[in-house]
Amino acid sequence: MLLPDDFSSASLTDQTIKTLMSKIEFKHGGPEYDSKYPEGIPSSVQIETQKGVFDSGFVMFPPGHAKYDFSVTNQILS
């Protein structure tokens, strides 16, 4: 969970955090994503590690959205 201190000047200038931030790339999802907004907040995440690529796939209602399905979180934590 992010807290207000996570957005402090000290946090945003921390070298470890800056290194992680430099590895993040944002891409526009295109018309498929655009057409679903504002019904939801269409998004997807891909995380590349030494063990492979982990892909969320298309997510219409991410955590924080009123229609988010909390059973998804429960599956991840199980």
PDB file of N, CA and C in Angstrom:
ATOM      1  N   MET A   1       0.842  -1.171   0.000  1.00  0.00           N
ATOM      2  CA  MET A   1       0.000   0.000   0.000  1.00  0.00           C
ATOM      3  C   MET A   1       0.890   1.237   0.000  1.00  0.00           C
ATOM      4  N   LEU A   2       0.578   2.162  -0.859  1.00  0.00           N
ATOM      5  CA  LEU A   2       1.323   3.418  -0.897  1.00  0.00           C
ATOM      6  C   LEU A   2       0.775   4.368   0.162  1.00  0.00           C
ATOM      7  N   LEU A   3       1.671   5.058   0.810  1.00  0.00           N
ATOM      8  CA  LEU A   3       1.318   6.040   1.834  1.00  0.00           C
ATOM      9  C   LEU A   3       1.848   7.406   1.407  1.00  0.00           C
ATOM     10  N   PRO A   4       1.356   8.495   2.016  1.00  0.00           N
ATOM     11  CA  PRO A   4       1.847   9.827   1.632  1.00  0.00           C
ATOM     12  C   PRO A   4       3.369   9.956   1.673  1.00  0.00           C
ATOM     13  N   ASP A   5       4.033   9.322   2.628  1.00  0.00           N
ATOM     14  CA  ASP A   5       5.501   9.405   2.706  1.00  0.00           C
ATOM     15  C   ASP A   5       6.183   8.815   1.472  1.00  0.00           C
ATOM     16  N   ASP A   6       5.495   7.917   0.783  1.00  0.00           N
ATOM     17  CA  ASP A   6       6.071   7.316  -0.418  1.00  0.00           C
ATOM     18  C   ASP A   6       6.235   8.332  -1.546  1.00  0.00           C
ATOM     19  N   PHE A   7       5.583   9.480  -1.420  1.00  0.00           N
ATOM     20  CA  PHE A   7       5.666  10.528  -2.432  1.00  0.00           C
ATOM     21  C   PHE A   7       6.467  11.737  -1.940  1.00  0.00           C
ATOM     22  N   SER A   8       7.191  11.556  -0.847  1.00  0.00           N
ATOM     23  CA  SER A   8       8.000  12.643  -0.306  1.00  0.00           C
ATOM     24  C   SER A   8       9.213  12.887  -1.206  1.00  0.00           C
ATOM     25  N   SER A   9       9.834  14.038  -1.038  1.00  0.00           N
ATOM     26  CA  SER A   9      11.044  14.347  -1.818  1.00  0.00           C
ATOM     27  C   SER A   9      12.130  13.318  -1.558  1.00  0.00           C
ATOM     28  N   ALA A  10      12.259  12.894  -0.302  1.00  0.00           N
ATOM     29  CA  ALA A  10      13.289  11.904   0.037  1.00  0.00           C
ATOM     30  C   ALA A  10      13.047  10.585  -0.697  1.00  0.00           C
ATOM     31  N   SER A  11      11.802  10.160  -0.743  1.00  0.00           N
ATOM     32  CA  SER A  11      11.487   8.902  -1.434  1.00  0.00           C
ATOM     33  C   SER A  11      11.722   9.018  -2.933  1.00  0.00           C
ATOM     34  N   LEU A  12      11.293  10.126  -3.518  1.00  0.00           N
ATOM     35  CA  LEU A  12      11.393  10.283  -4.964  1.00  0.00           C
ATOM     36  C   LEU A  12      12.817  10.533  -5.451  1.00  0.00           C
ATOM     37  N   THR A  13      13.714  10.875  -4.540  1.00  0.00           N
ATOM     38  CA  THR A  13      15.117  11.066  -4.923  1.00  0.00           C
ATOM     39  C   THR A  13      16.007   9.923  -4.437  1.00  0.00           C
ATOM     40  N   ASP A  14      15.405   8.924  -3.783  1.00  0.00           N
ATOM     41  CA  ASP A  14      16.145   7.759  -3.310  1.00  0.00           C
ATOM     42  C   ASP A  14      16.687   6.985  -4.518  1.00  0.00           C
ATOM     43  N   GLN A  15      17.970   6.649  -4.506  1.00  0.00           N
ATOM     44  CA  GLN A  15      18.598   6.016  -5.678  1.00  0.00           C
ATOM     45  C   GLN A  15      17.981   4.660  -6.017  1.00  0.00           C
ATOM     46  N   THR A  16      17.632   3.871  -5.019  1.00  0.00           N
ATOM     47  CA  THR A  16      17.013   2.569  -5.289  1.00  0.00           C
ATOM     48  C   THR A  16      15.679   2.748  -6.004  1.00  0.00           C
ATOM     49  N   ILE A  17      14.889   3.702  -5.533  1.00  0.00           N
ATOM     50  CA  ILE A  17      13.591   3.959  -6.151  1.00  0.00           C
ATOM     51  C   ILE A  17      13.778   4.518  -7.559  1.00  0.00           C
ATOM     52  N   LYS A  18      14.735   5.420  -7.732  1.00  0.00           N
ATOM     53  CA  LYS A  18      14.983   5.976  -9.065  1.00  0.00           C
ATOM     54  C   LYS A  18      15.413   4.884 -10.049  1.00  0.00           C
ATOM     55  N   THR A  19      16.205   3.924  -9.581  1.00  0.00           N
ATOM     56  CA  THR A  19      16.625   2.817 -10.443  1.00  0.00           C
ATOM     57  C   THR A  19      15.415   1.992 -10.871  1.00  0.00           C
ATOM     58  N   LEU A  20      14.527   1.687  -9.926  1.00  0.00           N
ATOM     59  CA  LEU A  20      13.311   0.944 -10.272  1.00  0.00           C
ATOM     60  C   LEU A  20      12.431   1.741 -11.230  1.00  0.00           C
ATOM     61  N   MET A  21      12.283   3.042 -10.973  1.00  0.00           N
ATOM     62  CA  MET A  21      11.444   3.879 -11.836  1.00  0.00           C
ATOM     63  C   MET A  21      11.987   3.931 -13.259  1.00  0.00           C
ATOM     64  N   SER A  22      13.300   3.876 -13.408  1.00  0.00           N
ATOM     65  CA  SER A  22      13.883   3.948 -14.750  1.00  0.00           C
ATOM     66  C   SER A  22      13.603   2.690 -15.569  1.00  0.00           C
ATOM     67  N   LYS A  23      13.182   1.625 -14.913  1.00  0.00           N
ATOM     68  CA  LYS A  23      12.887   0.368 -15.606  1.00  0.00           C
ATOM     69  C   LYS A  23      11.420   0.244 -16.007  1.00  0.00           C
ATOM     70  N   ILE A  24      10.610   1.224 -15.640  1.00  0.00           N
ATOM     71  CA  ILE A  24       9.178   1.180 -15.933  1.00  0.00           C
ATOM     72  C   ILE A  24       8.903   1.881 -17.259  1.00  0.00           C
ATOM     73  N   GLU A  25       8.116   1.219 -18.089  1.00  0.00           N
ATOM     74  CA  GLU A  25       7.756   1.774 -19.388  1.00  0.00           C
ATOM     75  C   GLU A  25       6.234   1.779 -19.516  1.00  0.00           C
ATOM     76  N   PHE A  26       5.669   2.880 -19.908  1.00  0.00           N
ATOM     77  CA  PHE A  26       4.228   2.999 -20.106  1.00  0.00           C
ATOM     78  C   PHE A  26       3.928   3.018 -21.592  1.00  0.00           C
ATOM     79  N   LYS A  27       2.890   2.281 -21.984  1.00  0.00           N
ATOM     80  CA  LYS A  27       2.461   2.252 -23.378  1.00  0.00           C
ATOM     81  C   LYS A  27       0.956   2.465 -23.436  1.00  0.00           C
ATOM     82  N   HIS A  28       0.514   3.201 -24.442  1.00  0.00           N
ATOM     83  CA  HIS A  28      -0.912   3.410 -24.658  1.00  0.00           C
ATOM     84  C   HIS A  28      -1.531   2.098 -25.112  1.00  0.00           C
ATOM     85  N   GLY A  29      -2.660   1.727 -24.542  1.00  0.00           N
ATOM     86  CA  GLY A  29      -3.304   0.460 -24.871  1.00  0.00           C
ATOM     87  C   GLY A  29      -3.999   0.431 -26.215  1.00  0.00           C
ATOM     88  N   GLY A  30      -4.267   1.605 -26.771  1.00  0.00           N
ATOM     89  CA  GLY A  30      -4.904   1.667 -28.076  1.00  0.00           C
ATOM     90  C   GLY A  30      -6.420   1.708 -28.014  1.00  0.00           C
ATOM     91  N   PRO A  31      -7.060   1.592 -29.174  1.00  0.00           N
ATOM     92  CA  PRO A  31      -8.523   1.732 -29.268  1.00  0.00           C
ATOM     93  C   PRO A  31      -9.304   0.745 -28.394  1.00  0.00           C
ATOM     94  N   GLU A  32      -8.792  -0.482 -28.251  1.00  0.00           N
ATOM     95  CA  GLU A  32      -9.500  -1.468 -27.416  1.00  0.00           C
ATOM     96  C   GLU A  32      -9.651  -0.946 -25.995  1.00  0.00           C
ATOM     97  N   TYR A  33      -8.605  -0.329 -25.478  1.00  0.00           N
ATOM     98  CA  TYR A  33      -8.633   0.203 -24.125  1.00  0.00           C
ATOM     99  C   TYR A  33      -9.467   1.486 -24.075  1.00  0.00           C
ATOM    100  N   ASP A  34      -9.254   2.372 -25.040  1.00  0.00           N
ATOM    101  CA  ASP A  34      -9.964   3.650 -25.068  1.00  0.00           C
ATOM    102  C   ASP A  34     -11.475   3.460 -25.104  1.00  0.00           C
ATOM    103  N   SER A  35     -11.931   2.479 -25.867  1.00  0.00           N
ATOM    104  CA  SER A  35     -13.373   2.288 -26.043  1.00  0.00           C
ATOM    105  C   SER A  35     -14.060   1.796 -24.763  1.00  0.00           C
ATOM    106  N   LYS A  36     -13.314   1.274 -23.832  1.00  0.00           N
ATOM    107  CA  LYS A  36     -13.886   0.740 -22.588  1.00  0.00           C
ATOM    108  C   LYS A  36     -13.938   1.781 -21.465  1.00  0.00           C
ATOM    109  N   TYR A  37     -13.312   2.940 -21.681  1.00  0.00           N
ATOM    110  CA  TYR A  37     -13.323   4.001 -20.694  1.00  0.00           C
ATOM    111  C   TYR A  37     -14.453   4.966 -21.042  1.00  0.00           C
ATOM    112  N   PRO A  38     -15.257   5.467 -20.105  1.00  0.00           N
ATOM    113  CA  PRO A  38     -15.084   5.490 -18.667  1.00  0.00           C
ATOM    114  C   PRO A  38     -15.822   4.391 -17.906  1.00  0.00           C
ATOM    115  N   GLU A  39     -16.363   3.380 -18.608  1.00  0.00           N
ATOM    116  CA  GLU A  39     -17.041   2.300 -17.879  1.00  0.00           C
ATOM    117  C   GLU A  39     -16.116   1.682 -16.840  1.00  0.00           C
ATOM    118  N   GLY A  40     -14.868   1.491 -17.205  1.00  0.00           N
ATOM    119  CA  GLY A  40     -13.863   0.948 -16.301  1.00  0.00           C
ATOM    120  C   GLY A  40     -12.566   1.700 -16.513  1.00  0.00           C
ATOM    121  N   ILE A  41     -11.495   1.134 -15.990  1.00  0.00           N
ATOM    122  CA  ILE A  41     -10.165   1.704 -16.203  1.00  0.00           C
ATOM    123  C   ILE A  41      -9.323   0.600 -16.834  1.00  0.00           C
ATOM    124  N   PRO A  42      -9.521   0.366 -18.130  1.00  0.00           N
ATOM    125  CA  PRO A  42      -8.831  -0.726 -18.796  1.00  0.00           C
ATOM    126  C   PRO A  42      -7.316  -0.580 -18.687  1.00  0.00           C
ATOM    127  N   SER A  43      -6.693  -1.665 -18.285  1.00  0.00           N
ATOM    128  CA  SER A  43      -5.243  -1.637 -18.116  1.00  0.00           C
ATOM    129  C   SER A  43      -4.689  -3.053 -18.175  1.00  0.00           C
ATOM    130  N   SER A  44      -3.387  -3.137 -18.235  1.00  0.00           N
ATOM    131  CA  SER A  44      -2.691  -4.421 -18.167  1.00  0.00           C
ATOM    132  C   SER A  44      -1.273  -4.144 -17.695  1.00  0.00           C
ATOM    133  N   VAL A  45      -0.656  -5.165 -17.135  1.00  0.00           N
ATOM    134  CA  VAL A  45       0.699  -5.035 -16.611  1.00  0.00           C
ATOM    135  C   VAL A  45       1.503  -6.248 -17.051  1.00  0.00           C
ATOM    136  N   GLN A  46       2.711  -6.005 -17.523  1.00  0.00           N
ATOM    137  CA  GLN A  46       3.654  -7.080 -17.810  1.00  0.00           C
ATOM    138  C   GLN A  46       4.896  -6.827 -16.969  1.00  0.00           C
ATOM    139  N   ILE A  47       5.329  -7.858 -16.270  1.00  0.00           N
ATOM    140  CA  ILE A  47       6.535  -7.758 -15.455  1.00  0.00           C
ATOM    141  C   ILE A  47       7.531  -8.781 -15.979  1.00  0.00           C
ATOM    142  N   GLU A  48       8.693  -8.307 -16.387  1.00  0.00           N
ATOM    143  CA  GLU A  48       9.741  -9.183 -16.903  1.00  0.00           C
ATOM    144  C   GLU A  48      10.790  -9.399 -15.815  1.00  0.00           C
ATOM    145  N   THR A  49      11.064 -10.671 -15.516  1.00  0.00           N
ATOM    146  CA  THR A  49      12.093 -11.025 -14.542  1.00  0.00           C
ATOM    147  C   THR A  49      13.021 -12.060 -15.175  1.00  0.00           C
ATOM    148  N   GLN A  50      14.005 -12.460 -14.428  1.00  0.00           N
ATOM    149  CA  GLN A  50      14.903 -13.509 -14.910  1.00  0.00           C
ATOM    150  C   GLN A  50      14.171 -14.839 -15.059  1.00  0.00           C
ATOM    151  N   LYS A  51      13.047 -14.982 -14.366  1.00  0.00           N
ATOM    152  CA  LYS A  51      12.271 -16.227 -14.426  1.00  0.00           C
ATOM    153  C   LYS A  51      11.226 -16.213 -15.535  1.00  0.00           C
ATOM    154  N   GLY A  52      11.067 -15.083 -16.225  1.00  0.00           N
ATOM    155  CA  GLY A  52      10.109 -15.019 -17.314  1.00  0.00           C
ATOM    156  C   GLY A  52       9.258 -13.771 -17.262  1.00  0.00           C
ATOM    157  N   VAL A  53       8.205 -13.774 -18.094  1.00  0.00           N
ATOM    158  CA  VAL A  53       7.298 -12.637 -18.187  1.00  0.00           C
ATOM    159  C   VAL A  53       5.981 -13.011 -17.527  1.00  0.00           C
ATOM    160  N   PHE A  54       5.520 -12.135 -16.670  1.00  0.00           N
ATOM    161  CA  PHE A  54       4.239 -12.315 -15.994  1.00  0.00           C
ATOM    162  C   PHE A  54       3.290 -11.251 -16.540  1.00  0.00           C
ATOM    163  N   ASP A  55       2.145 -11.675 -17.064  1.00  0.00           N
ATOM    164  CA  ASP A  55       1.231 -10.783 -17.760  1.00  0.00           C
ATOM    165  C   ASP A  55      -0.149 -10.855 -17.112  1.00  0.00           C
ATOM    166  N   SER A  56      -0.674  -9.710 -16.728  1.00  0.00           N
ATOM    167  CA  SER A  56      -2.003  -9.670 -16.107  1.00  0.00           C
ATOM    168  C   SER A  56      -3.115  -9.916 -17.106  1.00  0.00           C
ATOM    169  N   GLY A  57      -2.822  -9.702 -18.387  1.00  0.00           N
ATOM    170  CA  GLY A  57      -3.884  -9.712 -19.376  1.00  0.00           C
ATOM    171  C   GLY A  57      -4.727  -8.455 -19.228  1.00  0.00           C
ATOM    172  N   PHE A  58      -5.782  -8.369 -19.988  1.00  0.00           N
ATOM    173  CA  PHE A  58      -6.660  -7.201 -19.970  1.00  0.00           C
ATOM    174  C   PHE A  58      -7.417  -7.154 -18.650  1.00  0.00           C
ATOM    175  N   VAL A  59      -7.349  -6.022 -17.959  1.00  0.00           N
ATOM    176  CA  VAL A  59      -8.059  -5.828 -16.694  1.00  0.00           C
ATOM    177  C   VAL A  59      -8.992  -4.633 -16.865  1.00  0.00           C
ATOM    178  N   MET A  60     -10.278  -4.866 -16.725  1.00  0.00           N
ATOM    179  CA  MET A  60     -11.261  -3.792 -16.892  1.00  0.00           C
ATOM    180  C   MET A  60     -11.423  -2.962 -15.623  1.00  0.00           C
ATOM    181  N   PHE A  61     -11.425  -3.622 -14.472  1.00  0.00           N
ATOM    182  CA  PHE A  61     -11.649  -2.944 -13.197  1.00  0.00           C
ATOM    183  C   PHE A  61     -10.488  -3.255 -12.255  1.00  0.00           C
ATOM    184  N   PRO A  62      -9.415  -2.484 -12.320  1.00  0.00           N
ATOM    185  CA  PRO A  62      -8.247  -2.752 -11.470  1.00  0.00           C
ATOM    186  C   PRO A  62      -8.524  -2.419 -10.004  1.00  0.00           C
ATOM    187  N   PRO A  63      -7.661  -2.866  -9.099  1.00  0.00           N
ATOM    188  CA  PRO A  63      -7.838  -2.524  -7.681  1.00  0.00           C
ATOM    189  C   PRO A  63      -7.999  -1.013  -7.513  1.00  0.00           C
ATOM    190  N   GLY A  64      -8.937  -0.628  -6.674  1.00  0.00           N
ATOM    191  CA  GLY A  64      -9.233   0.780  -6.461  1.00  0.00           C
ATOM    192  C   GLY A  64     -10.497   1.217  -7.182  1.00  0.00           C
ATOM    193  N   HIS A  65     -10.900   0.468  -8.224  1.00  0.00           N
ATOM    194  CA  HIS A  65     -12.136   0.773  -8.940  1.00  0.00           C
ATOM    195  C   HIS A  65     -13.303   0.200  -8.141  1.00  0.00           C
ATOM    196  N   ALA A  66     -14.434   0.901  -8.145  1.00  0.00           N
ATOM    197  CA  ALA A  66     -15.611   0.472  -7.381  1.00  0.00           C
ATOM    198  C   ALA A  66     -16.103  -0.920  -7.798  1.00  0.00           C
ATOM    199  N   LYS A  67     -15.865  -1.314  -9.039  1.00  0.00           N
ATOM    200  CA  LYS A  67     -16.331  -2.625  -9.523  1.00  0.00           C
ATOM    201  C   LYS A  67     -15.238  -3.696  -9.464  1.00  0.00           C
ATOM    202  N   TYR A  68     -14.133  -3.406  -8.786  1.00  0.00           N
ATOM    203  CA  TYR A  68     -13.050  -4.387  -8.681  1.00  0.00           C
ATOM    204  C   TYR A  68     -13.544  -5.660  -8.005  1.00  0.00           C
ATOM    205  N   ASP A  69     -13.138  -6.801  -8.505  1.00  0.00           N
ATOM    206  CA  ASP A  69     -13.508  -8.108  -7.957  1.00  0.00           C
ATOM    207  C   ASP A  69     -12.445  -8.534  -6.940  1.00  0.00           C
ATOM    208  N   PHE A  70     -12.767  -8.423  -5.656  1.00  0.00           N
ATOM    209  CA  PHE A  70     -11.803  -8.733  -4.607  1.00  0.00           C
ATOM    210  C   PHE A  70     -11.410 -10.203  -4.569  1.00  0.00           C
ATOM    211  N   SER A  71     -12.165 -11.070  -5.210  1.00  0.00           N
ATOM    212  CA  SER A  71     -11.785 -12.476  -5.240  1.00  0.00           C
ATOM    213  C   SER A  71     -10.473 -12.665  -5.993  1.00  0.00           C
ATOM    214  N   VAL A  72     -10.163 -11.746  -6.893  1.00  0.00           N
ATOM    215  CA  VAL A  72      -8.885 -11.802  -7.627  1.00  0.00           C
ATOM    216  C   VAL A  72      -7.724 -11.656  -6.640  1.00  0.00           C
ATOM    217  N   THR A  73      -7.843 -10.689  -5.741  1.00  0.00           N
ATOM    218  CA  THR A  73      -6.797 -10.481  -4.726  1.00  0.00           C
ATOM    219  C   THR A  73      -6.677 -11.713  -3.847  1.00  0.00           C
ATOM    220  N   ASN A  74      -7.794 -12.279  -3.463  1.00  0.00           N
ATOM    221  CA  ASN A  74      -7.773 -13.473  -2.612  1.00  0.00           C
ATOM    222  C   ASN A  74      -7.074 -14.632  -3.317  1.00  0.00           C
ATOM    223  N   GLN A  75      -7.248 -14.759  -4.639  1.00  0.00           N
ATOM    224  CA  GLN A  75      -6.581 -15.819  -5.395  1.00  0.00           C
ATOM    225  C   GLN A  75      -5.079 -15.597  -5.409  1.00  0.00           C
ATOM    226  N   ILE A  76      -4.673 -14.348  -5.551  1.00  0.00           N
ATOM    227  CA  ILE A  76      -3.243 -14.035  -5.589  1.00  0.00           C
ATOM    228  C   ILE A  76      -2.594 -14.324  -4.249  1.00  0.00           C
ATOM    229  N   LEU A  77      -3.293 -13.992  -3.161  1.00  0.00           N
ATOM    230  CA  LEU A  77      -2.741 -14.162  -1.820  1.00  0.00           C
ATOM    231  C   LEU A  77      -2.793 -15.598  -1.327  1.00  0.00           C
ATOM    232  N   SER A  78      -3.572 -16.438  -1.990  1.00  0.00           N
ATOM    233  CA  SER A  78      -3.695 -17.838  -1.547  1.00  0.00           C
ATOM    234  C   SER A  78      -2.460 -18.644  -1.900  1.00  0.00           C
TER     235      SER A  78
END
